[in-house]
Amino acid sequence: MVDYELAVLTYVGIVLRRNGYVVIEASTAKTGLNSALKSEAQIQLLITEVAMPLMAGLSLARKIRLFNPEVAVLFISGQPRSDEFQGIANSAYLEKPFSPTQLLEVVQRMINDPKL
């Protein structure tokens, strides 16, 4: 989970952990990339804010997919979905604000069948 907004990072982390998920949190794309590279476990899902300082979520996803091409990606943003996310395999887009139920539905779907 990568988001520069501490409140969102904390909120998503709490929701996912309370529902049995293991979460690696990062407040910058660089830290998220480094954490993904160092992780001993295969990361199944990257949740990333779209617009972050220094490296956008789309760039982060592309870099992580260089060494983990099957990782599903959930892009989150306070802005409506743009065309730049059309056709990105194994990805979804969730507009902020979202409820715990909305988040969990998307996460469960993506982990169970990321090709949807």
C-alpha atoms as a PDB file:
ATOM      1  CA  MET A   1       0.000   0.000   0.000  1.00  0.00           C
ATOM      2  CA  VAL A   2       1.542   3.272  -1.151  1.00  0.00           C
ATOM      3  CA  ASP A   3      -0.006   6.667  -0.447  1.00  0.00           C
ATOM      4  CA  TYR A   4       1.559   9.950   0.585  1.00  0.00           C
ATOM      5  CA  GLU A   5      -1.503  10.801   2.708  1.00  0.00           C
ATOM      6  CA  LEU A   6      -0.944   9.298   6.150  1.00  0.00           C
ATOM      7  CA  ALA A   7      -4.693   9.163   6.893  1.00  0.00           C
ATOM      8  CA  VAL A   8      -5.382   7.071   3.768  1.00  0.00           C
ATOM      9  CA  LEU A   9      -2.366   4.844   4.376  1.00  0.00           C
ATOM     10  CA  THR A  10      -3.497   4.181   7.948  1.00  0.00           C
ATOM     11  CA  TYR A  11      -7.164   3.679   7.003  1.00  0.00           C
ATOM     12  CA  VAL A  12      -6.446   1.149   4.254  1.00  0.00           C
ATOM     13  CA  GLY A  13      -3.896  -0.659   6.410  1.00  0.00           C
ATOM     14  CA  ILE A  14      -6.350  -1.024   9.295  1.00  0.00           C
ATOM     15  CA  VAL A  15      -9.203  -2.228   7.066  1.00  0.00           C
ATOM     16  CA  LEU A  16      -7.046  -4.821   5.331  1.00  0.00           C
ATOM     17  CA  ARG A  17      -5.291  -6.099   8.469  1.00  0.00           C
ATOM     18  CA  ARG A  18      -8.614  -6.476  10.304  1.00  0.00           C
ATOM     19  CA  ASN A  19      -9.695  -8.711   7.447  1.00  0.00           C
ATOM     20  CA  GLY A  20      -6.659 -10.957   7.518  1.00  0.00           C
ATOM     21  CA  TYR A  21      -4.400  -9.374   4.904  1.00  0.00           C
ATOM     22  CA  VAL A  22      -0.679  -8.773   5.342  1.00  0.00           C
ATOM     23  CA  VAL A  23       0.070  -5.166   4.444  1.00  0.00           C
ATOM     24  CA  ILE A  24       3.347  -3.432   3.664  1.00  0.00           C
ATOM     25  CA  GLU A  25       2.889   0.339   3.943  1.00  0.00           C
ATOM     26  CA  ALA A  26       4.912   3.088   2.303  1.00  0.00           C
ATOM     27  CA  SER A  27       4.374   6.841   2.165  1.00  0.00           C
ATOM     28  CA  THR A  28       6.479   7.358  -0.979  1.00  0.00           C
ATOM     29  CA  ALA A  29       6.770   5.473  -4.241  1.00  0.00           C
ATOM     30  CA  LYS A  30      10.522   5.051  -3.711  1.00  0.00           C
ATOM     31  CA  THR A  31       9.979   3.446  -0.308  1.00  0.00           C
ATOM     32  CA  GLY A  32       7.218   1.266  -1.762  1.00  0.00           C
ATOM     33  CA  LEU A  33       9.484   0.108  -4.578  1.00  0.00           C
ATOM     34  CA  ASN A  34      12.316  -0.677  -2.159  1.00  0.00           C
ATOM     35  CA  SER A  35       9.941  -2.571   0.135  1.00  0.00           C
ATOM     36  CA  ALA A  36       8.618  -4.597  -2.784  1.00  0.00           C
ATOM     37  CA  LEU A  37      12.146  -5.442  -3.914  1.00  0.00           C
ATOM     38  CA  LYS A  38      13.130  -6.576  -0.409  1.00  0.00           C
ATOM     39  CA  SER A  39       9.962  -8.513   0.346  1.00  0.00           C
ATOM     40  CA  GLU A  40      10.535 -12.229   0.826  1.00  0.00           C
ATOM     41  CA  ALA A  41       6.886 -12.936   0.042  1.00  0.00           C
ATOM     42  CA  GLN A  42       5.442 -12.612  -3.449  1.00  0.00           C
ATOM     43  CA  ILE A  43       3.281  -9.499  -3.443  1.00  0.00           C
ATOM     44  CA  GLN A  44      -0.139 -10.285  -4.891  1.00  0.00           C
ATOM     45  CA  LEU A  45      -1.628  -6.798  -4.971  1.00  0.00           C
ATOM     46  CA  LEU A  46      -0.178  -3.304  -5.147  1.00  0.00           C
ATOM     47  CA  ILE A  47      -2.504  -0.556  -3.938  1.00  0.00           C
ATOM     48  CA  THR A  48      -1.159   2.828  -4.945  1.00  0.00           C
ATOM     49  CA  GLU A  49      -2.257   6.439  -5.053  1.00  0.00           C
ATOM     50  CA  VAL A  50      -2.227   7.698  -8.622  1.00  0.00           C
ATOM     51  CA  ALA A  51      -0.733  11.157  -8.086  1.00  0.00           C
ATOM     52  CA  MET A  52       2.277  11.167  -5.763  1.00  0.00           C
ATOM     53  CA  PRO A  53       5.273  13.461  -5.534  1.00  0.00           C
ATOM     54  CA  LEU A  54       8.401  12.378  -7.471  1.00  0.00           C
ATOM     55  CA  MET A  55       6.932   9.141  -8.902  1.00  0.00           C
ATOM     56  CA  ALA A  56       3.321   8.587  -9.954  1.00  0.00           C
ATOM     57  CA  GLY A  57       1.467   5.401  -9.098  1.00  0.00           C
ATOM     58  CA  LEU A  58       1.466   4.261 -12.720  1.00  0.00           C
ATOM     59  CA  SER A  59       5.270   4.540 -12.897  1.00  0.00           C
ATOM     60  CA  LEU A  60       5.578   2.657  -9.621  1.00  0.00           C
ATOM     61  CA  ALA A  61       3.346  -0.140 -10.917  1.00  0.00           C
ATOM     62  CA  ARG A  62       5.400  -0.449 -14.102  1.00  0.00           C
ATOM     63  CA  LYS A  63       8.653  -0.660 -12.122  1.00  0.00           C
ATOM     64  CA  ILE A  64       7.304  -3.314  -9.757  1.00  0.00           C
ATOM     65  CA  ARG A  65       5.989  -5.316 -12.706  1.00  0.00           C
ATOM     66  CA  LEU A  66       9.515  -5.519 -14.115  1.00  0.00           C
ATOM     67  CA  PHE A  67      10.335  -8.068 -11.406  1.00  0.00           C
ATOM     68  CA  ASN A  68       6.801  -9.164 -10.484  1.00  0.00           C
ATOM     69  CA  PRO A  69       4.829  -9.133 -13.754  1.00  0.00           C
ATOM     70  CA  GLU A  70       1.770 -10.893 -12.313  1.00  0.00           C
ATOM     71  CA  VAL A  71       1.109  -8.406  -9.516  1.00  0.00           C
ATOM     72  CA  ALA A  72      -2.408  -6.977  -9.615  1.00  0.00           C
ATOM     73  CA  VAL A  73      -2.632  -3.199  -9.198  1.00  0.00           C
ATOM     74  CA  LEU A  74      -5.379  -1.193  -7.537  1.00  0.00           C
ATOM     75  CA  PHE A  75      -5.034   2.491  -8.343  1.00  0.00           C
ATOM     76  CA  ILE A  76      -6.728   4.851  -5.894  1.00  0.00           C
ATOM     77  CA  SER A  77      -7.331   8.562  -6.329  1.00  0.00           C
ATOM     78  CA  GLY A  78      -9.547  11.442  -5.355  1.00  0.00           C
ATOM     79  CA  GLN A  79      -9.918  12.204  -9.067  1.00  0.00           C
ATOM     80  CA  PRO A  80     -12.171  10.407 -11.566  1.00  0.00           C
ATOM     81  CA  ARG A  81     -10.502   7.694 -13.634  1.00  0.00           C
ATOM     82  CA  SER A  82      -8.660   8.981 -16.691  1.00  0.00           C
ATOM     83  CA  ASP A  83      -7.971   7.299 -20.022  1.00  0.00           C
ATOM     84  CA  GLU A  84      -4.326   6.616 -19.132  1.00  0.00           C
ATOM     85  CA  PHE A  85      -5.484   3.608 -17.109  1.00  0.00           C
ATOM     86  CA  GLN A  86      -7.406   1.995 -19.983  1.00  0.00           C
ATOM     87  CA  GLY A  87      -5.996  -1.357 -21.008  1.00  0.00           C
ATOM     88  CA  ILE A  88      -3.638  -1.862 -18.070  1.00  0.00           C
ATOM     89  CA  ALA A  89      -3.796  -5.586 -17.408  1.00  0.00           C
ATOM     90  CA  ASN A  90      -4.720  -6.905 -13.962  1.00  0.00           C
ATOM     91  CA  SER A  91      -5.693  -3.502 -12.623  1.00  0.00           C
ATOM     92  CA  ALA A  92      -8.650  -1.667 -11.147  1.00  0.00           C
ATOM     93  CA  TYR A  93      -9.380   1.909 -10.124  1.00  0.00           C
ATOM     94  CA  LEU A  94     -11.117   3.007  -6.929  1.00  0.00           C
ATOM     95  CA  GLU A  95     -12.078   6.618  -6.424  1.00  0.00           C
ATOM     96  CA  LYS A  96     -11.651   8.182  -2.976  1.00  0.00           C
ATOM     97  CA  PRO A  97     -13.418   8.367  -0.671  1.00  0.00           C
ATOM     98  CA  PHE A  98     -14.353   4.703  -0.459  1.00  0.00           C
ATOM     99  CA  SER A  99     -15.899   2.620   2.277  1.00  0.00           C
ATOM    100  CA  PRO A 100     -14.263  -0.419   3.885  1.00  0.00           C
ATOM    101  CA  THR A 101     -16.824  -2.578   2.079  1.00  0.00           C
ATOM    102  CA  GLN A 102     -15.971  -1.088  -1.313  1.00  0.00           C
ATOM    103  CA  LEU A 103     -12.244  -1.542  -0.675  1.00  0.00           C
ATOM    104  CA  LEU A 104     -12.626  -5.137   0.493  1.00  0.00           C
ATOM    105  CA  GLU A 105     -14.843  -6.103  -2.452  1.00  0.00           C
ATOM    106  CA  VAL A 106     -12.273  -4.856  -4.952  1.00  0.00           C
ATOM    107  CA  VAL A 107      -9.307  -6.337  -3.087  1.00  0.00           C
ATOM    108  CA  GLN A 108     -10.966  -9.751  -2.716  1.00  0.00           C
ATOM    109  CA  ARG A 109     -11.945  -9.805  -6.378  1.00  0.00           C
ATOM    110  CA  MET A 110      -8.480  -8.825  -7.519  1.00  0.00           C
ATOM    111  CA  ILE A 111      -6.674 -11.343  -5.331  1.00  0.00           C
ATOM    112  CA  ASN A 112      -9.053 -14.165  -6.236  1.00  0.00           C
ATOM    113  CA  ASP A 113      -9.055 -13.396  -9.957  1.00  0.00           C
ATOM    114  CA  PRO A 114      -6.850 -10.447 -10.939  1.00  0.00           C
ATOM    115  CA  LYS A 115      -7.502 -11.012 -14.642  1.00  0.00           C
ATOM    116  CA  LEU A 116     -11.086  -9.711 -14.271  1.00  0.00           C
END
